[in-house]
């Protein structure tokens, strides 16, 4: 169990002690995919969803979620994020929107969970705003694309969904 940093030697959960870790610049990038019908995709693109501007609302929700990650995931440290960005990449051919979230900090622990939370909540918000039109939407491929900084160094996912 020693590889699981949130478990002590007796198998009890714990928040990792980062007191002795050196602060460094850390960045994480995550993604989520939202697949939908052609009609839903067109309504989002045209700005005709009755609840309002879907992508801007989802962007705000993603940023807010990243800032609240420690309130949602029990063993996450509350962080003073220095940057959160949520972007959308539409693919008309597949009627999908890829959401990409970036979180940055200069601190003693990483921001992977903040980036993952940002894209997850942005995707859920997109679903919420469009569910009256398309209950069959799916959210897929939530994953970490890359991270930099910290003791473990850099990570770049191979074969990520473009």
N, C-alpha and C. Protein backbone atom coordinates (compact mmCIF):
# COMPACT_ATOMS: atom_id res chain seq x y z
N UNK A 1 0.81 -1.21 0.00
CA UNK A 1 0.00 0.00 0.00
C UNK A 1 0.84 1.27 0.00
N UNK A 2 2.16 1.15 0.12
CA UNK A 2 3.00 2.33 0.20
C UNK A 2 2.96 3.18 -1.07
N UNK A 3 2.57 2.60 -2.24
CA UNK A 3 2.47 3.38 -3.46
C UNK A 3 1.26 4.30 -3.47
N UNK A 4 0.26 3.99 -2.66
CA UNK A 4 -0.93 4.83 -2.57
C UNK A 4 -0.68 5.89 -1.50
N UNK A 5 -0.45 7.11 -1.94
CA UNK A 5 -0.05 8.16 -1.01
C UNK A 5 -1.16 8.65 -0.11
N UNK A 6 -2.39 8.30 -0.40
CA UNK A 6 -3.50 8.73 0.44
C UNK A 6 -3.90 7.65 1.45
N UNK A 7 -3.06 6.62 1.59
CA UNK A 7 -3.31 5.53 2.53
C UNK A 7 -2.10 5.43 3.45
N UNK A 8 -2.33 5.39 4.76
CA UNK A 8 -1.20 5.23 5.69
C UNK A 8 -0.84 3.75 5.83
N UNK A 9 0.17 3.45 6.64
CA UNK A 9 0.65 2.07 6.77
C UNK A 9 -0.36 1.13 7.43
N UNK A 10 -1.43 1.68 7.97
CA UNK A 10 -2.50 0.86 8.57
C UNK A 10 -3.73 0.78 7.67
N UNK A 11 -3.63 1.33 6.45
CA UNK A 11 -4.74 1.27 5.50
C UNK A 11 -5.77 2.36 5.68
N UNK A 12 -5.49 3.35 6.50
CA UNK A 12 -6.44 4.45 6.71
C UNK A 12 -6.17 5.57 5.70
N UNK A 13 -7.25 6.24 5.27
CA UNK A 13 -7.07 7.35 4.33
C UNK A 13 -6.51 8.56 5.06
N UNK A 14 -5.79 9.35 4.31
CA UNK A 14 -5.19 10.57 4.86
C UNK A 14 -4.92 11.56 3.74
N UNK A 15 -4.84 12.81 4.12
CA UNK A 15 -4.39 13.83 3.18
C UNK A 15 -2.87 13.77 3.18
N UNK A 16 -2.27 13.79 2.01
CA UNK A 16 -0.82 13.73 1.90
C UNK A 16 -0.22 14.98 2.52
N UNK A 17 0.84 14.81 3.30
CA UNK A 17 1.56 15.93 3.92
C UNK A 17 2.56 16.48 2.92
N UNK A 18 2.33 17.69 2.44
CA UNK A 18 3.23 18.30 1.45
C UNK A 18 4.13 19.36 2.09
N UNK A 19 4.17 19.39 3.39
CA UNK A 19 4.92 20.42 4.11
C UNK A 19 6.37 20.52 3.64
N UNK A 20 7.03 19.40 3.44
CA UNK A 20 8.45 19.40 3.09
C UNK A 20 8.72 19.50 1.58
N UNK A 21 7.67 19.48 0.77
CA UNK A 21 7.87 19.56 -0.67
C UNK A 21 8.21 20.99 -1.07
N UNK A 22 9.07 21.12 -2.06
CA UNK A 22 9.45 22.45 -2.54
C UNK A 22 8.41 22.95 -3.53
N UNK A 23 7.99 24.20 -3.38
CA UNK A 23 7.05 24.77 -4.35
C UNK A 23 7.70 24.82 -5.74
N UNK A 24 6.92 24.60 -6.76
CA UNK A 24 7.38 24.73 -8.13
C UNK A 24 6.20 25.12 -9.02
N UNK A 25 6.54 25.58 -10.21
CA UNK A 25 5.51 25.89 -11.20
C UNK A 25 4.90 24.57 -11.66
N UNK A 26 3.60 24.45 -11.56
CA UNK A 26 2.90 23.22 -11.94
C UNK A 26 1.73 23.57 -12.83
N UNK A 27 1.56 22.78 -13.87
CA UNK A 27 0.48 22.97 -14.83
C UNK A 27 -0.14 21.62 -15.14
N UNK A 28 -1.44 21.59 -15.32
CA UNK A 28 -2.12 20.38 -15.76
C UNK A 28 -3.14 20.75 -16.82
N UNK A 29 -3.27 19.88 -17.82
CA UNK A 29 -4.24 20.07 -18.90
C UNK A 29 -5.08 18.79 -18.98
N UNK A 30 -6.39 18.95 -18.98
CA UNK A 30 -7.31 17.81 -19.05
C UNK A 30 -8.33 18.06 -20.15
N UNK A 31 -9.05 17.00 -20.51
CA UNK A 31 -10.09 17.14 -21.52
C UNK A 31 -11.31 16.32 -21.15
N UNK A 32 -12.42 16.70 -21.77
CA UNK A 32 -13.65 15.91 -21.76
C UNK A 32 -14.28 16.09 -23.13
N UNK A 33 -14.96 15.06 -23.60
CA UNK A 33 -15.66 15.13 -24.88
C UNK A 33 -17.16 15.08 -24.62
N UNK A 34 -17.93 15.91 -25.34
CA UNK A 34 -19.38 15.85 -25.27
C UNK A 34 -19.88 15.58 -26.69
N UNK A 35 -20.59 14.44 -26.84
CA UNK A 35 -21.14 14.04 -28.13
C UNK A 35 -22.65 14.29 -28.10
N UNK A 36 -23.18 14.77 -29.21
CA UNK A 36 -24.59 15.18 -29.24
C UNK A 36 -25.17 14.99 -30.62
N UNK A 37 -26.46 15.24 -30.74
CA UNK A 37 -27.12 15.17 -32.04
C UNK A 37 -26.71 16.36 -32.90
N UNK A 38 -26.95 16.22 -34.19
CA UNK A 38 -26.65 17.32 -35.12
C UNK A 38 -27.46 18.56 -34.76
N UNK A 39 -28.71 18.38 -34.38
CA UNK A 39 -29.55 19.52 -34.02
C UNK A 39 -28.99 20.27 -32.81
N UNK A 40 -28.61 19.53 -31.79
CA UNK A 40 -28.06 20.16 -30.59
C UNK A 40 -26.78 20.91 -30.93
N UNK A 41 -25.91 20.27 -31.71
CA UNK A 41 -24.65 20.91 -32.11
C UNK A 41 -24.93 22.22 -32.84
N UNK A 42 -25.87 22.19 -33.77
CA UNK A 42 -26.20 23.39 -34.54
C UNK A 42 -26.79 24.49 -33.65
N UNK A 43 -27.62 24.11 -32.71
CA UNK A 43 -28.22 25.11 -31.81
C UNK A 43 -27.16 25.77 -30.93
N UNK A 44 -26.21 24.99 -30.45
CA UNK A 44 -25.12 25.57 -29.67
C UNK A 44 -24.32 26.53 -30.54
N UNK A 45 -23.96 26.08 -31.75
CA UNK A 45 -23.17 26.91 -32.66
C UNK A 45 -23.90 28.19 -33.04
N UNK A 46 -25.21 28.10 -33.22
CA UNK A 46 -26.00 29.27 -33.62
C UNK A 46 -26.40 30.15 -32.44
N UNK A 47 -26.18 29.66 -31.23
CA UNK A 47 -26.56 30.43 -30.06
C UNK A 47 -28.06 30.47 -29.84
N UNK A 48 -28.77 29.41 -30.24
CA UNK A 48 -30.23 29.41 -30.12
C UNK A 48 -30.75 28.44 -29.05
N UNK A 49 -29.90 28.04 -28.14
CA UNK A 49 -30.37 27.21 -27.02
C UNK A 49 -31.13 28.14 -26.07
N UNK A 50 -32.33 27.74 -25.67
CA UNK A 50 -33.21 28.64 -24.91
C UNK A 50 -32.63 29.06 -23.56
N UNK A 51 -31.75 28.29 -22.98
CA UNK A 51 -31.18 28.65 -21.67
C UNK A 51 -30.08 29.69 -21.77
N UNK A 52 -29.62 30.01 -22.97
CA UNK A 52 -28.61 31.05 -23.12
C UNK A 52 -27.34 30.55 -23.78
N UNK A 53 -26.26 31.28 -23.55
CA UNK A 53 -24.96 30.99 -24.16
C UNK A 53 -24.35 29.78 -23.47
N UNK A 54 -24.46 28.64 -24.12
CA UNK A 54 -24.05 27.36 -23.53
C UNK A 54 -22.55 27.34 -23.21
N UNK A 55 -21.73 27.70 -24.18
CA UNK A 55 -20.29 27.56 -23.98
C UNK A 55 -19.75 28.55 -22.95
N UNK A 56 -20.23 29.76 -22.96
CA UNK A 56 -19.73 30.72 -21.95
C UNK A 56 -20.19 30.34 -20.55
N UNK A 57 -21.40 29.82 -20.44
CA UNK A 57 -21.87 29.36 -19.12
C UNK A 57 -21.05 28.17 -18.66
N UNK A 58 -20.76 27.24 -19.57
CA UNK A 58 -19.93 26.07 -19.23
C UNK A 58 -18.51 26.50 -18.88
N UNK A 59 -17.99 27.51 -19.55
CA UNK A 59 -16.63 28.01 -19.25
C UNK A 59 -16.58 28.55 -17.82
N UNK A 60 -17.57 29.36 -17.46
CA UNK A 60 -17.61 29.92 -16.11
C UNK A 60 -17.75 28.79 -15.07
N UNK A 61 -18.61 27.83 -15.36
CA UNK A 61 -18.80 26.70 -14.44
C UNK A 61 -17.51 25.93 -14.25
N UNK A 62 -16.76 25.72 -15.33
CA UNK A 62 -15.50 25.00 -15.24
C UNK A 62 -14.47 25.72 -14.39
N UNK A 63 -14.36 27.03 -14.58
CA UNK A 63 -13.42 27.82 -13.77
C UNK A 63 -13.83 27.78 -12.30
N UNK A 64 -15.12 27.97 -12.05
CA UNK A 64 -15.60 27.94 -10.66
C UNK A 64 -15.35 26.56 -10.03
N UNK A 65 -15.56 25.50 -10.79
CA UNK A 65 -15.37 24.15 -10.27
C UNK A 65 -13.91 23.90 -9.91
N UNK A 66 -12.99 24.35 -10.76
CA UNK A 66 -11.56 24.16 -10.46
C UNK A 66 -11.22 24.79 -9.11
N UNK A 67 -11.80 25.96 -8.85
CA UNK A 67 -11.53 26.65 -7.58
C UNK A 67 -12.16 25.96 -6.38
N UNK A 68 -13.13 25.08 -6.61
CA UNK A 68 -13.84 24.38 -5.53
C UNK A 68 -13.45 22.90 -5.42
N UNK A 69 -12.42 22.48 -6.11
CA UNK A 69 -12.06 21.06 -6.15
C UNK A 69 -11.88 20.47 -4.76
N UNK A 70 -11.20 21.16 -3.88
CA UNK A 70 -10.96 20.63 -2.53
C UNK A 70 -12.25 20.45 -1.74
N UNK A 71 -13.30 21.18 -2.11
CA UNK A 71 -14.60 21.01 -1.45
C UNK A 71 -15.34 19.78 -1.97
N UNK A 72 -14.95 19.29 -3.12
CA UNK A 72 -15.64 18.17 -3.77
C UNK A 72 -14.92 16.84 -3.60
N UNK A 73 -13.60 16.87 -3.57
CA UNK A 73 -12.80 15.65 -3.51
C UNK A 73 -12.06 15.64 -2.18
N UNK A 74 -12.41 14.71 -1.31
CA UNK A 74 -12.01 14.78 0.11
C UNK A 74 -10.53 14.96 0.40
N UNK A 75 -9.63 14.31 -0.32
CA UNK A 75 -8.22 14.38 0.04
C UNK A 75 -7.43 15.43 -0.75
N UNK A 76 -8.10 16.25 -1.54
CA UNK A 76 -7.42 17.32 -2.28
C UNK A 76 -7.10 18.48 -1.35
N UNK A 77 -5.94 19.06 -1.57
CA UNK A 77 -5.54 20.24 -0.80
C UNK A 77 -6.25 21.47 -1.35
N UNK A 78 -6.71 22.38 -0.49
CA UNK A 78 -7.21 23.66 -0.99
C UNK A 78 -6.04 24.43 -1.60
N UNK A 79 -6.20 24.90 -2.81
CA UNK A 79 -5.08 25.54 -3.52
C UNK A 79 -5.41 26.98 -3.89
N UNK A 80 -4.37 27.75 -3.98
CA UNK A 80 -4.48 29.13 -4.44
C UNK A 80 -4.06 29.16 -5.91
N UNK A 81 -4.99 28.79 -6.78
CA UNK A 81 -4.69 28.69 -8.20
C UNK A 81 -4.25 30.04 -8.77
N UNK A 82 -3.28 29.99 -9.68
CA UNK A 82 -2.83 31.23 -10.32
C UNK A 82 -3.45 31.40 -11.71
N UNK A 83 -3.99 30.29 -12.26
CA UNK A 83 -4.60 30.39 -13.59
C UNK A 83 -5.51 29.19 -13.83
N UNK A 84 -6.68 29.44 -14.38
CA UNK A 84 -7.58 28.38 -14.86
C UNK A 84 -8.16 28.86 -16.18
N UNK A 85 -8.12 27.98 -17.17
CA UNK A 85 -8.67 28.32 -18.48
C UNK A 85 -9.47 27.14 -19.00
N UNK A 86 -10.62 27.40 -19.58
CA UNK A 86 -11.47 26.37 -20.18
C UNK A 86 -11.75 26.79 -21.62
N UNK A 87 -11.41 25.90 -22.55
CA UNK A 87 -11.61 26.18 -23.98
C UNK A 87 -12.44 25.07 -24.62
N UNK A 88 -13.07 25.40 -25.74
CA UNK A 88 -13.95 24.48 -26.45
C UNK A 88 -13.49 24.34 -27.89
N UNK A 89 -13.50 23.10 -28.38
CA UNK A 89 -13.10 22.80 -29.75
C UNK A 89 -14.22 21.98 -30.39
N UNK A 90 -14.95 22.61 -31.29
CA UNK A 90 -16.11 21.98 -31.92
C UNK A 90 -15.70 21.18 -33.15
N UNK A 91 -16.35 20.03 -33.32
CA UNK A 91 -16.13 19.19 -34.50
C UNK A 91 -17.49 18.93 -35.13
N UNK A 92 -17.77 19.68 -36.19
CA UNK A 92 -19.09 19.58 -36.84
C UNK A 92 -19.32 18.20 -37.45
N UNK A 93 -18.27 17.56 -37.92
CA UNK A 93 -18.43 16.25 -38.56
C UNK A 93 -18.93 15.19 -37.58
N UNK A 94 -18.46 15.26 -36.34
CA UNK A 94 -18.86 14.25 -35.34
C UNK A 94 -19.90 14.77 -34.35
N UNK A 95 -20.33 16.03 -34.52
CA UNK A 95 -21.30 16.66 -33.62
C UNK A 95 -20.80 16.55 -32.17
N UNK A 96 -19.55 16.92 -31.97
CA UNK A 96 -18.98 16.83 -30.63
C UNK A 96 -18.21 18.10 -30.29
N UNK A 97 -18.06 18.30 -29.00
CA UNK A 97 -17.28 19.44 -28.51
C UNK A 97 -16.26 18.88 -27.52
N UNK A 98 -14.99 19.15 -27.81
CA UNK A 98 -13.93 18.77 -26.88
C UNK A 98 -13.69 19.94 -25.95
N UNK A 99 -13.70 19.66 -24.67
CA UNK A 99 -13.46 20.69 -23.66
C UNK A 99 -12.05 20.48 -23.13
N UNK A 100 -11.28 21.53 -23.12
CA UNK A 100 -9.91 21.45 -22.59
C UNK A 100 -9.77 22.43 -21.44
N UNK A 101 -9.26 21.94 -20.33
CA UNK A 101 -9.08 22.77 -19.15
C UNK A 101 -7.63 22.78 -18.71
N UNK A 102 -7.14 23.96 -18.39
CA UNK A 102 -5.77 24.13 -17.92
C UNK A 102 -5.80 24.78 -16.55
N UNK A 103 -5.01 24.23 -15.63
CA UNK A 103 -4.87 24.82 -14.30
C UNK A 103 -3.38 25.02 -14.04
N UNK A 104 -3.04 26.11 -13.37
CA UNK A 104 -1.64 26.43 -13.09
C UNK A 104 -1.52 26.96 -11.67
N UNK A 105 -0.36 26.67 -11.10
CA UNK A 105 -0.08 27.09 -9.73
C UNK A 105 1.42 27.09 -9.49
N UNK A 106 1.86 27.88 -8.54
CA UNK A 106 3.22 27.77 -8.01
C UNK A 106 3.04 27.34 -6.57
N UNK A 107 3.24 26.05 -6.32
CA UNK A 107 2.91 25.52 -5.00
C UNK A 107 3.61 24.18 -4.78
N UNK A 108 3.23 23.52 -3.68
CA UNK A 108 3.86 22.27 -3.26
C UNK A 108 3.14 21.03 -3.77
N UNK A 109 2.03 21.20 -4.43
CA UNK A 109 1.27 20.04 -4.93
C UNK A 109 0.66 20.38 -6.28
N UNK A 110 0.32 19.33 -7.02
CA UNK A 110 -0.12 19.49 -8.39
C UNK A 110 -1.57 19.91 -8.55
N UNK A 111 -1.94 20.17 -9.80
CA UNK A 111 -3.26 20.69 -10.12
C UNK A 111 -4.02 19.80 -11.11
N UNK A 112 -3.66 18.52 -11.16
CA UNK A 112 -4.36 17.61 -12.06
C UNK A 112 -5.84 17.53 -11.73
N UNK A 113 -6.17 17.42 -10.46
CA UNK A 113 -7.57 17.27 -10.08
C UNK A 113 -8.37 18.53 -10.40
N UNK A 114 -7.75 19.68 -10.31
CA UNK A 114 -8.43 20.93 -10.64
C UNK A 114 -8.74 21.00 -12.14
N UNK A 115 -7.79 20.59 -12.97
CA UNK A 115 -8.04 20.58 -14.42
C UNK A 115 -9.12 19.57 -14.78
N UNK A 116 -9.07 18.38 -14.16
CA UNK A 116 -10.07 17.35 -14.42
C UNK A 116 -11.46 17.77 -13.93
N UNK A 117 -11.51 18.43 -12.79
CA UNK A 117 -12.79 18.91 -12.26
C UNK A 117 -13.36 20.00 -13.16
N UNK A 118 -12.50 20.88 -13.66
CA UNK A 118 -12.95 21.96 -14.55
C UNK A 118 -13.63 21.40 -15.79
N UNK A 119 -13.01 20.42 -16.46
CA UNK A 119 -13.62 19.90 -17.69
C UNK A 119 -14.86 19.06 -17.40
N UNK A 120 -14.85 18.37 -16.28
CA UNK A 120 -16.01 17.55 -15.92
C UNK A 120 -17.25 18.40 -15.67
N UNK A 121 -17.08 19.46 -14.89
CA UNK A 121 -18.22 20.32 -14.58
C UNK A 121 -18.63 21.15 -15.80
N UNK A 122 -17.68 21.55 -16.61
CA UNK A 122 -18.03 22.25 -17.85
C UNK A 122 -18.87 21.33 -18.75
N UNK A 123 -18.49 20.06 -18.84
CA UNK A 123 -19.27 19.10 -19.65
C UNK A 123 -20.66 18.89 -19.07
N UNK A 124 -20.74 18.75 -17.76
CA UNK A 124 -22.05 18.58 -17.12
C UNK A 124 -22.93 19.81 -17.31
N UNK A 125 -22.33 20.98 -17.30
CA UNK A 125 -23.09 22.22 -17.52
C UNK A 125 -23.61 22.28 -18.95
N UNK A 126 -22.78 21.89 -19.90
CA UNK A 126 -23.22 21.85 -21.29
C UNK A 126 -24.41 20.89 -21.41
N UNK A 127 -24.30 19.73 -20.78
CA UNK A 127 -25.42 18.78 -20.80
C UNK A 127 -26.67 19.40 -20.18
N UNK A 128 -26.51 20.00 -19.02
CA UNK A 128 -27.66 20.60 -18.32
C UNK A 128 -28.37 21.64 -19.17
N UNK A 129 -27.61 22.45 -19.87
CA UNK A 129 -28.22 23.52 -20.66
C UNK A 129 -28.90 23.01 -21.92
N UNK A 130 -28.54 21.80 -22.36
CA UNK A 130 -29.08 21.27 -23.62
C UNK A 130 -29.95 20.03 -23.45
N UNK A 131 -30.15 19.58 -22.24
CA UNK A 131 -30.87 18.31 -22.04
C UNK A 131 -32.33 18.37 -22.50
N UNK A 132 -32.93 19.53 -22.54
CA UNK A 132 -34.31 19.64 -23.03
C UNK A 132 -34.39 19.28 -24.52
N UNK A 133 -33.31 19.50 -25.24
CA UNK A 133 -33.25 19.22 -26.67
C UNK A 133 -32.70 17.81 -26.93
N UNK A 134 -31.76 17.35 -26.08
CA UNK A 134 -31.02 16.13 -26.40
C UNK A 134 -30.59 15.39 -25.13
N UNK A 135 -31.46 14.54 -24.63
CA UNK A 135 -31.13 13.76 -23.43
C UNK A 135 -30.12 12.65 -23.71
N UNK A 136 -29.87 12.34 -24.98
CA UNK A 136 -28.96 11.26 -25.35
C UNK A 136 -27.50 11.70 -25.46
N UNK A 137 -27.20 12.96 -25.13
CA UNK A 137 -25.80 13.41 -25.17
C UNK A 137 -24.96 12.50 -24.28
N UNK A 138 -23.69 12.33 -24.67
CA UNK A 138 -22.77 11.56 -23.83
C UNK A 138 -21.53 12.36 -23.53
N UNK A 139 -20.99 12.12 -22.36
CA UNK A 139 -19.73 12.73 -21.93
C UNK A 139 -18.72 11.60 -21.85
N UNK A 140 -17.61 11.74 -22.59
CA UNK A 140 -16.61 10.68 -22.66
C UNK A 140 -15.20 11.26 -22.56
N UNK A 141 -14.26 10.36 -22.49
CA UNK A 141 -12.83 10.70 -22.60
C UNK A 141 -12.36 11.77 -21.63
N UNK A 142 -12.87 11.75 -20.40
CA UNK A 142 -12.35 12.66 -19.38
C UNK A 142 -10.99 12.11 -18.97
N UNK A 143 -9.96 12.89 -19.21
CA UNK A 143 -8.61 12.39 -18.89
C UNK A 143 -7.62 13.54 -18.77
N UNK A 144 -6.52 13.22 -18.12
CA UNK A 144 -5.40 14.15 -18.04
C UNK A 144 -4.61 14.05 -19.33
N UNK A 145 -4.37 15.18 -19.98
CA UNK A 145 -3.59 15.20 -21.22
C UNK A 145 -2.11 15.40 -20.93
N UNK A 146 -1.83 16.30 -20.00
CA UNK A 146 -0.43 16.54 -19.64
C UNK A 146 -0.33 17.23 -18.30
N UNK A 147 0.85 17.10 -17.69
CA UNK A 147 1.15 17.82 -16.46
C UNK A 147 2.64 18.09 -16.43
N UNK A 148 2.99 19.21 -15.81
CA UNK A 148 4.39 19.56 -15.64
C UNK A 148 4.62 19.99 -14.20
N UNK A 149 5.87 19.89 -13.78
CA UNK A 149 6.26 20.33 -12.45
C UNK A 149 6.17 19.23 -11.41
N UNK A 150 6.76 19.52 -10.27
CA UNK A 150 6.71 18.58 -9.17
C UNK A 150 7.76 17.49 -9.27
N UNK A 151 7.81 16.67 -8.23
CA UNK A 151 8.81 15.62 -8.12
C UNK A 151 8.69 14.57 -9.24
N UNK A 152 7.47 14.28 -9.64
CA UNK A 152 7.29 13.24 -10.66
C UNK A 152 7.58 13.74 -12.08
N UNK A 153 7.79 15.05 -12.25
CA UNK A 153 8.15 15.58 -13.55
C UNK A 153 6.97 15.72 -14.49
N UNK A 154 7.26 15.61 -15.76
CA UNK A 154 6.25 15.84 -16.80
C UNK A 154 5.58 14.54 -17.23
N UNK A 155 4.34 14.69 -17.71
CA UNK A 155 3.56 13.60 -18.27
C UNK A 155 2.84 14.14 -19.48
N UNK A 156 2.88 13.42 -20.58
CA UNK A 156 2.11 13.76 -21.77
C UNK A 156 1.42 12.48 -22.22
N UNK A 157 0.09 12.53 -22.31
CA UNK A 157 -0.68 11.36 -22.75
C UNK A 157 -0.46 11.12 -24.23
N UNK A 158 -0.20 9.88 -24.56
CA UNK A 158 -0.14 9.49 -25.97
C UNK A 158 -1.52 9.05 -26.41
N UNK A 159 -1.83 9.26 -27.65
CA UNK A 159 -3.10 8.80 -28.22
C UNK A 159 -4.33 9.42 -27.58
N UNK A 160 -4.25 10.66 -27.16
CA UNK A 160 -5.44 11.33 -26.61
C UNK A 160 -6.42 11.59 -27.73
N UNK A 161 -7.70 11.63 -27.40
CA UNK A 161 -8.71 11.94 -28.39
C UNK A 161 -8.50 13.38 -28.85
N UNK A 162 -8.27 13.57 -30.15
CA UNK A 162 -8.03 14.96 -30.63
C UNK A 162 -9.29 15.79 -30.65
